[in-house]
Amino acid sequence: MVFYCSLCEKETAVFSRFCESCTKLKRIGNVYGFDKCLKILEICCIRNDEQIDRKIEYIKKNNKKVYGDDSKDYDNK
């Protein structure tokens, strides 16, 4: 029988409820506080609508290609 991590539900967890990566996240949350960790993630990792719109306009303006996509030309959608 295979047990999956209770947090990410992807990795297998043999000796505990969490996989190795999620155990690290849990320990960080226990040390610094989960509210503080969540606030840091929201500030650093999650873009709001304004930031997304600015990024799209920047890409269109400079005709930049999206990461890993070499086939798109933004002027000729």
N, C-alpha and C. Protein backbone atom coordinates (compact mmCIF):
# COMPACT_ATOMS: atom_id res chain seq x y z
N MET A 1 0.84 -1.18 0.00
CA MET A 1 0.00 0.00 0.00
C MET A 1 0.89 1.25 0.00
N VAL A 2 0.56 2.19 -0.85
CA VAL A 2 1.34 3.41 -1.00
C VAL A 2 0.65 4.53 -0.24
N PHE A 3 1.43 5.27 0.55
CA PHE A 3 0.90 6.42 1.28
C PHE A 3 1.44 7.69 0.64
N TYR A 4 0.57 8.65 0.44
CA TYR A 4 0.97 9.92 -0.14
C TYR A 4 1.06 10.99 0.94
N CYS A 5 1.88 11.97 0.68
CA CYS A 5 2.07 13.09 1.60
C CYS A 5 0.72 13.78 1.85
N SER A 6 0.47 14.12 3.09
CA SER A 6 -0.78 14.78 3.46
C SER A 6 -0.87 16.21 2.95
N LEU A 7 0.27 16.82 2.64
CA LEU A 7 0.27 18.21 2.19
C LEU A 7 0.24 18.33 0.67
N CYS A 8 1.25 17.80 -0.01
CA CYS A 8 1.33 17.95 -1.47
C CYS A 8 0.56 16.86 -2.21
N GLU A 9 0.31 15.75 -1.59
CA GLU A 9 -0.43 14.62 -2.15
C GLU A 9 0.19 14.05 -3.41
N LYS A 10 1.48 14.29 -3.62
CA LYS A 10 2.16 13.77 -4.82
C LYS A 10 3.28 12.82 -4.46
N GLU A 11 4.09 13.21 -3.50
CA GLU A 11 5.23 12.40 -3.10
C GLU A 11 4.78 11.30 -2.15
N THR A 12 5.50 10.22 -2.16
CA THR A 12 5.19 9.15 -1.23
C THR A 12 5.83 9.44 0.12
N ALA A 13 5.10 9.15 1.16
CA ALA A 13 5.58 9.34 2.52
C ALA A 13 5.62 7.98 3.20
N VAL A 14 6.80 7.55 3.57
CA VAL A 14 6.96 6.21 4.12
C VAL A 14 6.88 6.21 5.64
N PHE A 15 7.65 7.08 6.28
CA PHE A 15 7.76 7.02 7.74
C PHE A 15 6.97 8.10 8.47
N SER A 16 6.38 9.04 7.75
CA SER A 16 5.59 10.08 8.39
C SER A 16 4.44 10.48 7.47
N ARG A 17 3.66 11.46 7.91
CA ARG A 17 2.53 11.93 7.09
C ARG A 17 2.97 12.81 5.94
N PHE A 18 4.21 13.36 6.03
CA PHE A 18 4.69 14.31 5.03
C PHE A 18 5.92 13.79 4.32
N CYS A 19 6.08 14.19 3.05
CA CYS A 19 7.30 13.86 2.32
C CYS A 19 8.43 14.76 2.84
N GLU A 20 9.63 14.57 2.33
CA GLU A 20 10.79 15.31 2.83
C GLU A 20 10.65 16.82 2.62
N SER A 21 10.19 17.22 1.44
CA SER A 21 10.05 18.65 1.15
C SER A 21 8.98 19.30 2.03
N CYS A 22 7.87 18.64 2.18
CA CYS A 22 6.79 19.19 3.00
C CYS A 22 7.14 19.19 4.48
N THR A 23 7.97 18.25 4.90
CA THR A 23 8.45 18.25 6.28
C THR A 23 9.29 19.49 6.54
N LYS A 24 10.11 19.88 5.56
CA LYS A 24 10.91 21.11 5.69
C LYS A 24 10.00 22.32 5.79
N LEU A 25 8.96 22.37 4.94
CA LEU A 25 8.01 23.49 4.99
C LEU A 25 7.31 23.55 6.35
N LYS A 26 6.93 22.41 6.86
CA LYS A 26 6.26 22.36 8.16
C LYS A 26 7.19 22.85 9.26
N ARG A 27 8.44 22.45 9.22
CA ARG A 27 9.40 22.89 10.24
C ARG A 27 9.63 24.40 10.17
N ILE A 28 9.73 24.94 8.95
CA ILE A 28 9.90 26.38 8.79
C ILE A 28 8.69 27.11 9.37
N GLY A 29 7.49 26.59 9.07
CA GLY A 29 6.27 27.18 9.61
C GLY A 29 6.22 27.13 11.12
N ASN A 30 6.69 26.03 11.69
CA ASN A 30 6.71 25.90 13.15
C ASN A 30 7.68 26.90 13.79
N VAL A 31 8.79 27.15 13.12
CA VAL A 31 9.80 28.06 13.68
C VAL A 31 9.39 29.51 13.52
N TYR A 32 9.00 29.91 12.31
CA TYR A 32 8.73 31.32 12.01
C TYR A 32 7.26 31.70 12.12
N GLY A 33 6.39 30.72 12.17
CA GLY A 33 4.96 30.99 12.21
C GLY A 33 4.36 30.88 10.81
N PHE A 34 3.26 30.17 10.70
CA PHE A 34 2.65 29.94 9.40
C PHE A 34 2.08 31.21 8.79
N ASP A 35 1.57 32.11 9.62
CA ASP A 35 1.04 33.38 9.09
C ASP A 35 2.14 34.20 8.45
N LYS A 36 3.30 34.27 9.10
CA LYS A 36 4.43 35.03 8.57
C LYS A 36 4.94 34.39 7.27
N CYS A 37 5.02 33.07 7.23
CA CYS A 37 5.46 32.37 6.01
C CYS A 37 4.49 32.60 4.86
N LEU A 38 3.19 32.56 5.15
CA LEU A 38 2.18 32.80 4.14
C LEU A 38 2.27 34.23 3.61
N LYS A 39 2.48 35.18 4.49
CA LYS A 39 2.61 36.58 4.09
C LYS A 39 3.82 36.76 3.17
N ILE A 40 4.95 36.13 3.49
CA ILE A 40 6.15 36.20 2.65
C ILE A 40 5.88 35.60 1.28
N LEU A 41 5.21 34.46 1.24
CA LEU A 41 4.89 33.83 -0.04
C LEU A 41 3.97 34.71 -0.88
N GLU A 42 2.99 35.31 -0.24
CA GLU A 42 2.08 36.20 -0.98
C GLU A 42 2.80 37.40 -1.55
N ILE A 43 3.73 37.97 -0.80
CA ILE A 43 4.47 39.15 -1.25
C ILE A 43 5.46 38.79 -2.35
N CYS A 44 6.16 37.69 -2.20
CA CYS A 44 7.26 37.35 -3.11
C CYS A 44 6.84 36.53 -4.32
N CYS A 45 5.84 35.69 -4.19
CA CYS A 45 5.56 34.71 -5.23
C CYS A 45 4.27 34.92 -6.00
N ILE A 46 3.32 35.60 -5.42
CA ILE A 46 2.01 35.72 -6.06
C ILE A 46 1.88 37.11 -6.66
N ARG A 47 1.55 37.15 -7.94
CA ARG A 47 1.36 38.42 -8.63
C ARG A 47 -0.11 38.83 -8.56
N ASN A 48 -0.33 40.13 -8.38
CA ASN A 48 -1.71 40.62 -8.42
C ASN A 48 -2.07 40.98 -9.86
N ASP A 49 -3.30 41.36 -10.11
CA ASP A 49 -3.77 41.63 -11.47
C ASP A 49 -2.98 42.75 -12.14
N GLU A 50 -2.64 43.78 -11.39
CA GLU A 50 -1.88 44.91 -11.95
C GLU A 50 -0.49 44.45 -12.42
N GLN A 51 0.16 43.64 -11.62
CA GLN A 51 1.49 43.15 -11.99
C GLN A 51 1.41 42.25 -13.22
N ILE A 52 0.38 41.43 -13.30
CA ILE A 52 0.21 40.56 -14.46
C ILE A 52 -0.01 41.38 -15.72
N ASP A 53 -0.87 42.41 -15.62
CA ASP A 53 -1.13 43.27 -16.78
C ASP A 53 0.12 44.00 -17.24
N ARG A 54 0.92 44.52 -16.28
CA ARG A 54 2.16 45.20 -16.64
C ARG A 54 3.13 44.25 -17.34
N LYS A 55 3.21 43.02 -16.87
CA LYS A 55 4.10 42.03 -17.47
C LYS A 55 3.67 41.71 -18.90
N ILE A 56 2.37 41.54 -19.11
CA ILE A 56 1.84 41.26 -20.45
C ILE A 56 2.15 42.41 -21.38
N GLU A 57 1.92 43.65 -20.93
CA GLU A 57 2.20 44.82 -21.77
C GLU A 57 3.69 44.92 -22.08
N TYR A 58 4.54 44.64 -21.11
CA TYR A 58 5.99 44.67 -21.34
C TYR A 58 6.40 43.66 -22.39
N ILE A 59 5.83 42.46 -22.29
CA ILE A 59 6.17 41.41 -23.26
C ILE A 59 5.70 41.81 -24.66
N LYS A 60 4.48 42.32 -24.76
CA LYS A 60 3.96 42.75 -26.06
C LYS A 60 4.78 43.90 -26.63
N LYS A 61 5.10 44.87 -25.80
CA LYS A 61 5.83 46.06 -26.23
C LYS A 61 7.22 45.71 -26.74
N ASN A 62 7.89 44.82 -26.07
CA ASN A 62 9.26 44.46 -26.42
C ASN A 62 9.35 43.20 -27.26
N ASN A 63 8.20 42.66 -27.65
CA ASN A 63 8.13 41.45 -28.48
C ASN A 63 8.97 40.33 -27.87
N LYS A 64 8.88 40.19 -26.55
CA LYS A 64 9.62 39.14 -25.85
C LYS A 64 8.87 37.82 -25.97
N LYS A 65 9.60 36.76 -25.96
CA LYS A 65 9.01 35.43 -26.01
C LYS A 65 8.80 34.91 -24.59
N VAL A 66 7.75 34.14 -24.40
CA VAL A 66 7.45 33.54 -23.10
C VAL A 66 8.44 32.40 -22.88
N TYR A 67 8.78 32.17 -21.63
CA TYR A 67 9.73 31.13 -21.28
C TYR A 67 9.37 29.81 -21.93
N GLY A 68 10.31 29.22 -22.66
CA GLY A 68 10.11 27.90 -23.23
C GLY A 68 9.24 27.86 -24.47
N ASP A 69 8.79 29.00 -24.97
CA ASP A 69 7.94 29.01 -26.15
C ASP A 69 8.64 29.80 -27.24
N ASP A 70 9.22 29.11 -28.19
CA ASP A 70 9.96 29.76 -29.26
C ASP A 70 9.11 29.96 -30.51
N SER A 71 7.87 29.50 -30.51
CA SER A 71 7.06 29.52 -31.72
C SER A 71 6.13 30.72 -31.82
N LYS A 72 5.89 31.45 -30.73
CA LYS A 72 4.90 32.53 -30.75
C LYS A 72 5.52 33.85 -31.20
N ASP A 73 4.79 34.54 -32.04
CA ASP A 73 5.12 35.91 -32.40
C ASP A 73 3.95 36.76 -31.92
N TYR A 74 4.16 37.63 -30.97
CA TYR A 74 3.08 38.33 -30.30
C TYR A 74 2.41 39.39 -31.19
N ASP A 75 3.06 39.78 -32.27
CA ASP A 75 2.44 40.74 -33.16
C ASP A 75 1.44 40.06 -34.09
N ASN A 76 1.60 38.78 -34.35
CA ASN A 76 0.73 38.05 -35.28
C ASN A 76 0.06 36.88 -34.57
N LYS A 77 -0.81 37.19 -33.63
CA LYS A 77 -1.49 36.11 -32.88
C LYS A 77 -2.46 35.36 -33.74
